[in-house]
N, C-alpha and C. Protein backbone atom coordinates (compact mmCIF):
# COMPACT_ATOMS: atom_id res chain seq x y z
N MET A 1 25.87 -57.19 -68.12
CA MET A 1 24.70 -57.94 -67.67
C MET A 1 23.55 -57.69 -68.63
N PRO A 2 22.93 -58.75 -69.13
CA PRO A 2 21.77 -58.57 -70.02
C PRO A 2 20.61 -57.93 -69.28
N ASN A 3 19.77 -57.24 -70.03
CA ASN A 3 18.60 -56.65 -69.39
C ASN A 3 17.53 -57.71 -69.15
N LEU A 4 16.54 -57.34 -68.41
CA LEU A 4 15.47 -58.26 -68.03
C LEU A 4 14.80 -58.90 -69.24
N ALA A 5 14.53 -58.10 -70.26
CA ALA A 5 13.86 -58.63 -71.47
C ALA A 5 14.73 -59.67 -72.16
N ALA A 6 16.04 -59.43 -72.23
CA ALA A 6 16.94 -60.39 -72.88
C ALA A 6 17.02 -61.68 -72.08
N LEU A 7 17.06 -61.58 -70.76
CA LEU A 7 17.09 -62.78 -69.92
C LEU A 7 15.83 -63.60 -70.12
N LEU A 8 14.70 -62.94 -70.10
CA LEU A 8 13.42 -63.63 -70.28
C LEU A 8 13.30 -64.21 -71.69
N ASP A 9 13.82 -63.52 -72.69
CA ASP A 9 13.79 -64.02 -74.05
C ASP A 9 14.58 -65.33 -74.18
N THR A 10 15.74 -65.40 -73.55
CA THR A 10 16.54 -66.63 -73.57
C THR A 10 15.73 -67.77 -73.01
N TRP A 11 15.12 -67.54 -71.87
CA TRP A 11 14.32 -68.59 -71.24
C TRP A 11 13.16 -69.00 -72.14
N GLN A 12 12.46 -68.04 -72.70
CA GLN A 12 11.30 -68.34 -73.52
C GLN A 12 11.68 -69.10 -74.79
N GLN A 13 12.80 -68.75 -75.41
CA GLN A 13 13.25 -69.48 -76.60
C GLN A 13 13.54 -70.94 -76.26
N TRP A 14 14.26 -71.15 -75.18
CA TRP A 14 14.58 -72.53 -74.81
C TRP A 14 13.31 -73.28 -74.43
N ASN A 15 12.44 -72.66 -73.65
CA ASN A 15 11.23 -73.33 -73.20
C ASN A 15 10.33 -73.70 -74.38
N ALA A 16 10.18 -72.80 -75.34
CA ALA A 16 9.35 -73.09 -76.51
C ALA A 16 9.90 -74.29 -77.28
N HIS A 17 11.20 -74.35 -77.44
CA HIS A 17 11.82 -75.47 -78.14
C HIS A 17 11.63 -76.76 -77.33
N HIS A 18 11.86 -76.68 -76.03
CA HIS A 18 11.74 -77.84 -75.16
C HIS A 18 10.32 -78.41 -75.18
N VAL A 19 9.34 -77.55 -75.12
CA VAL A 19 7.94 -77.99 -75.15
C VAL A 19 7.63 -78.68 -76.47
N MET A 20 8.12 -78.14 -77.56
CA MET A 20 7.82 -78.70 -78.88
C MET A 20 8.49 -80.06 -79.09
N THR A 21 9.58 -80.35 -78.40
CA THR A 21 10.21 -81.66 -78.55
C THR A 21 9.34 -82.76 -77.97
N ASP A 22 8.41 -82.39 -77.10
CA ASP A 22 7.51 -83.38 -76.50
C ASP A 22 6.23 -83.60 -77.30
N VAL A 23 6.04 -82.84 -78.38
CA VAL A 23 4.85 -82.98 -79.22
C VAL A 23 5.08 -84.12 -80.20
N PRO A 24 4.23 -85.16 -80.14
CA PRO A 24 4.41 -86.30 -81.05
C PRO A 24 4.38 -85.87 -82.51
N GLY A 25 5.36 -86.38 -83.28
CA GLY A 25 5.41 -86.10 -84.70
C GLY A 25 5.98 -84.75 -85.07
N HIS A 26 6.38 -83.95 -84.09
CA HIS A 26 6.94 -82.63 -84.39
C HIS A 26 8.46 -82.71 -84.37
N GLU A 27 9.07 -82.26 -85.43
CA GLU A 27 10.53 -82.21 -85.52
C GLU A 27 10.97 -80.82 -85.06
N ALA A 28 11.53 -80.75 -83.86
CA ALA A 28 11.87 -79.46 -83.26
C ALA A 28 13.15 -78.86 -83.83
N GLY A 29 14.04 -79.67 -84.36
CA GLY A 29 15.30 -79.14 -84.89
C GLY A 29 16.25 -78.72 -83.77
N GLU A 30 17.27 -77.99 -84.15
CA GLU A 30 18.26 -77.53 -83.18
C GLU A 30 17.70 -76.37 -82.36
N PRO A 31 17.95 -76.38 -81.07
CA PRO A 31 17.46 -75.27 -80.25
C PRO A 31 18.24 -73.99 -80.53
N ALA A 32 17.55 -72.87 -80.50
CA ALA A 32 18.21 -71.57 -80.68
C ALA A 32 19.02 -71.21 -79.45
N VAL A 33 18.60 -71.75 -78.32
CA VAL A 33 19.24 -71.46 -77.04
C VAL A 33 19.49 -72.78 -76.34
N SER A 34 20.67 -72.93 -75.76
CA SER A 34 20.98 -74.17 -75.06
C SER A 34 20.31 -74.20 -73.69
N ALA A 35 20.17 -75.39 -73.15
CA ALA A 35 19.59 -75.54 -71.82
C ALA A 35 20.45 -74.84 -70.77
N LEU A 36 21.77 -74.87 -70.95
CA LEU A 36 22.65 -74.19 -70.00
C LEU A 36 22.48 -72.68 -70.05
N ASP A 37 22.30 -72.13 -71.26
CA ASP A 37 22.03 -70.70 -71.37
C ASP A 37 20.72 -70.34 -70.68
N ALA A 38 19.71 -71.17 -70.89
CA ALA A 38 18.41 -70.93 -70.25
C ALA A 38 18.53 -71.03 -68.74
N LEU A 39 19.29 -72.00 -68.27
CA LEU A 39 19.48 -72.17 -66.83
C LEU A 39 20.20 -70.97 -66.24
N ARG A 40 21.26 -70.51 -66.91
CA ARG A 40 22.01 -69.34 -66.44
C ARG A 40 21.10 -68.11 -66.36
N ASP A 41 20.36 -67.86 -67.43
CA ASP A 41 19.52 -66.67 -67.46
C ASP A 41 18.34 -66.77 -66.50
N SER A 42 17.81 -67.96 -66.31
CA SER A 42 16.71 -68.10 -65.35
C SER A 42 17.21 -67.86 -63.92
N ARG A 43 18.43 -68.30 -63.63
CA ARG A 43 19.02 -68.03 -62.31
C ARG A 43 19.18 -66.53 -62.10
N GLU A 44 19.65 -65.85 -63.14
CA GLU A 44 19.82 -64.40 -63.03
C GLU A 44 18.48 -63.69 -62.86
N LEU A 45 17.46 -64.15 -63.57
CA LEU A 45 16.12 -63.59 -63.40
C LEU A 45 15.63 -63.75 -61.96
N VAL A 46 15.80 -64.95 -61.42
CA VAL A 46 15.37 -65.21 -60.04
C VAL A 46 16.11 -64.29 -59.07
N GLU A 47 17.40 -64.14 -59.27
CA GLU A 47 18.19 -63.27 -58.39
C GLU A 47 17.72 -61.82 -58.48
N LEU A 48 17.46 -61.35 -59.69
CA LEU A 48 16.98 -59.98 -59.86
C LEU A 48 15.64 -59.76 -59.19
N LEU A 49 14.71 -60.66 -59.47
CA LEU A 49 13.36 -60.50 -58.91
C LEU A 49 13.37 -60.63 -57.39
N THR A 50 14.17 -61.56 -56.88
CA THR A 50 14.29 -61.71 -55.42
C THR A 50 14.89 -60.45 -54.82
N GLY A 51 15.87 -59.89 -55.50
CA GLY A 51 16.49 -58.67 -55.02
C GLY A 51 15.53 -57.49 -55.00
N TRP A 52 14.58 -57.49 -55.90
CA TRP A 52 13.61 -56.39 -55.95
C TRP A 52 12.41 -56.60 -55.04
N GLN A 53 12.23 -57.82 -54.55
CA GLN A 53 11.04 -58.14 -53.77
C GLN A 53 10.93 -57.28 -52.51
N TRP A 54 12.06 -56.98 -51.87
CA TRP A 54 12.01 -56.20 -50.65
C TRP A 54 11.42 -54.81 -50.91
N GLN A 55 11.67 -54.26 -52.11
CA GLN A 55 11.14 -52.94 -52.43
C GLN A 55 9.61 -52.97 -52.50
N ALA A 56 9.07 -54.06 -53.04
CA ALA A 56 7.62 -54.19 -53.10
C ALA A 56 7.05 -54.41 -51.71
N ALA A 57 7.76 -55.15 -50.87
CA ALA A 57 7.30 -55.35 -49.48
C ALA A 57 7.29 -54.01 -48.74
N TYR A 58 8.32 -53.22 -48.94
CA TYR A 58 8.38 -51.89 -48.31
C TYR A 58 7.19 -51.03 -48.76
N ALA A 59 6.94 -51.02 -50.08
CA ALA A 59 5.83 -50.23 -50.61
C ALA A 59 4.50 -50.74 -50.08
N ALA A 60 4.34 -52.06 -49.99
CA ALA A 60 3.10 -52.63 -49.47
C ALA A 60 2.87 -52.20 -48.01
N ARG A 61 3.93 -52.24 -47.23
CA ARG A 61 3.80 -51.81 -45.82
C ARG A 61 3.46 -50.33 -45.74
N ARG A 62 4.10 -49.52 -46.57
CA ARG A 62 3.81 -48.09 -46.59
C ARG A 62 2.37 -47.83 -47.03
N ASP A 63 1.84 -48.72 -47.87
CA ASP A 63 0.46 -48.60 -48.34
C ASP A 63 -0.55 -49.13 -47.33
N GLY A 64 -0.04 -49.70 -46.20
CA GLY A 64 -0.94 -50.17 -45.15
C GLY A 64 -1.15 -51.67 -45.09
N SER A 65 -0.46 -52.43 -45.92
CA SER A 65 -0.59 -53.89 -45.87
C SER A 65 0.07 -54.42 -44.61
N SER A 66 -0.50 -55.48 -44.08
CA SER A 66 0.06 -56.11 -42.89
C SER A 66 1.12 -57.13 -43.28
N TRP A 67 1.93 -57.53 -42.30
CA TRP A 67 2.91 -58.59 -42.56
C TRP A 67 2.19 -59.91 -42.85
N GLU A 68 0.99 -60.08 -42.30
CA GLU A 68 0.21 -61.28 -42.60
C GLU A 68 -0.16 -61.32 -44.08
N GLN A 69 -0.57 -60.18 -44.62
CA GLN A 69 -0.92 -60.11 -46.05
C GLN A 69 0.32 -60.33 -46.92
N ILE A 70 1.43 -59.73 -46.54
CA ILE A 70 2.67 -59.90 -47.30
C ILE A 70 3.12 -61.36 -47.27
N ALA A 71 3.04 -61.98 -46.11
CA ALA A 71 3.43 -63.39 -45.98
C ALA A 71 2.54 -64.28 -46.86
N ALA A 72 1.24 -64.02 -46.84
CA ALA A 72 0.32 -64.81 -47.67
C ALA A 72 0.64 -64.62 -49.15
N THR A 73 0.97 -63.41 -49.55
CA THR A 73 1.28 -63.12 -50.94
C THR A 73 2.58 -63.78 -51.39
N THR A 74 3.56 -63.84 -50.49
CA THR A 74 4.87 -64.40 -50.85
C THR A 74 4.98 -65.89 -50.52
N GLY A 75 3.95 -66.46 -49.93
CA GLY A 75 3.96 -67.89 -49.62
C GLY A 75 4.90 -68.24 -48.48
N THR A 76 5.04 -67.33 -47.54
CA THR A 76 5.89 -67.56 -46.39
C THR A 76 5.10 -67.34 -45.11
N THR A 77 5.77 -67.48 -43.99
CA THR A 77 5.16 -67.11 -42.71
C THR A 77 5.45 -65.64 -42.45
N VAL A 78 4.74 -65.08 -41.50
CA VAL A 78 4.98 -63.69 -41.12
C VAL A 78 6.43 -63.52 -40.66
N GLU A 79 6.89 -64.46 -39.85
CA GLU A 79 8.25 -64.38 -39.33
C GLU A 79 9.27 -64.43 -40.47
N GLN A 80 9.05 -65.31 -41.45
CA GLN A 80 9.99 -65.43 -42.57
C GLN A 80 9.96 -64.20 -43.46
N ALA A 81 8.77 -63.67 -43.72
CA ALA A 81 8.66 -62.47 -44.56
C ALA A 81 9.40 -61.30 -43.92
N ARG A 82 9.21 -61.13 -42.63
CA ARG A 82 9.91 -60.05 -41.92
C ARG A 82 11.41 -60.30 -41.87
N ALA A 83 11.81 -61.54 -41.64
CA ALA A 83 13.23 -61.88 -41.58
C ALA A 83 13.90 -61.67 -42.93
N ASP A 84 13.23 -62.06 -44.01
CA ASP A 84 13.79 -61.86 -45.35
C ASP A 84 13.96 -60.37 -45.63
N TYR A 85 12.98 -59.59 -45.27
CA TYR A 85 13.04 -58.13 -45.47
C TYR A 85 14.18 -57.53 -44.65
N ALA A 86 14.26 -57.92 -43.39
CA ALA A 86 15.32 -57.40 -42.52
C ALA A 86 16.70 -57.81 -43.00
N ALA A 87 16.83 -59.02 -43.54
CA ALA A 87 18.12 -59.51 -44.04
C ALA A 87 18.62 -58.65 -45.21
N VAL A 88 17.70 -58.26 -46.08
CA VAL A 88 18.09 -57.39 -47.20
C VAL A 88 18.57 -56.05 -46.67
N LEU A 89 17.86 -55.52 -45.69
CA LEU A 89 18.27 -54.23 -45.12
C LEU A 89 19.64 -54.35 -44.46
N ASP A 90 19.86 -55.45 -43.75
CA ASP A 90 21.16 -55.67 -43.12
C ASP A 90 22.28 -55.68 -44.17
N ARG A 91 22.05 -56.37 -45.29
CA ARG A 91 23.07 -56.41 -46.35
C ARG A 91 23.28 -55.03 -46.97
N GLN A 92 22.20 -54.31 -47.18
CA GLN A 92 22.31 -52.95 -47.74
C GLN A 92 23.16 -52.07 -46.82
N GLU A 93 22.94 -52.23 -45.54
CA GLU A 93 23.66 -51.44 -44.54
C GLU A 93 25.13 -51.85 -44.45
N GLN A 94 25.36 -53.15 -44.31
CA GLN A 94 26.71 -53.66 -44.09
C GLN A 94 27.58 -53.60 -45.34
N VAL A 95 27.06 -54.07 -46.45
CA VAL A 95 27.87 -54.18 -47.66
C VAL A 95 27.96 -52.85 -48.41
N LEU A 96 26.85 -52.15 -48.52
CA LEU A 96 26.82 -50.93 -49.31
C LEU A 96 26.93 -49.66 -48.47
N GLY A 97 26.83 -49.81 -47.15
CA GLY A 97 26.94 -48.65 -46.27
C GLY A 97 25.77 -47.70 -46.36
N ARG A 98 24.62 -48.19 -46.77
CA ARG A 98 23.44 -47.34 -46.94
C ARG A 98 22.71 -47.14 -45.62
N ASP A 99 22.11 -45.97 -45.49
CA ASP A 99 21.25 -45.69 -44.35
C ASP A 99 19.86 -46.24 -44.68
N VAL A 100 19.45 -47.27 -43.95
CA VAL A 100 18.17 -47.92 -44.23
C VAL A 100 17.16 -47.68 -43.11
N SER A 101 17.42 -46.67 -42.30
CA SER A 101 16.55 -46.43 -41.14
C SER A 101 15.10 -46.21 -41.53
N THR A 102 14.84 -45.50 -42.63
CA THR A 102 13.44 -45.28 -43.03
C THR A 102 12.78 -46.57 -43.49
N HIS A 103 13.58 -47.49 -44.04
CA HIS A 103 13.02 -48.78 -44.47
C HIS A 103 12.78 -49.71 -43.28
N ARG A 104 13.50 -49.51 -42.20
CA ARG A 104 13.27 -50.32 -41.00
C ARG A 104 12.01 -49.92 -40.26
N GLU A 105 11.53 -48.72 -40.51
CA GLU A 105 10.32 -48.25 -39.82
C GLU A 105 9.11 -49.13 -40.09
N VAL A 106 9.08 -49.82 -41.20
CA VAL A 106 7.91 -50.64 -41.53
C VAL A 106 7.96 -52.03 -40.91
N LEU A 107 9.10 -52.37 -40.26
CA LEU A 107 9.20 -53.66 -39.60
C LEU A 107 8.24 -53.69 -38.42
C-alpha cells in the first residue's frame, strides 16, 4: 500500500495536468498519471482519512467537545456523528476483536 504522501502526489499530478488542459492555448502533453490512477488513489485517500476520523472524534470528546460541535465540524447531524463513531467501534470489536470500552465512554 502506498503511503499517504504517494497517494496525494498521484492525485496532485493528475489534477495539475487536468487543470492545465482547460487553459486556452496551453499544450498540456501526456499526463504523468492517468485519470484511473488518480481515481484509485483518491479513493484510497478517502478511505484512510475516513478510517482515521473516529480517532479525532474520540480525542475531541476527550478534550471536552460536544457531539453538537463534532457534528457541525463533520457536516453531519449529532445522531449521524454518534452513529458513525459507534459503527467504527462496532467493527473494531467484531472484526478485530479489540476492547473498545474506553472509546465507548465518550458516546
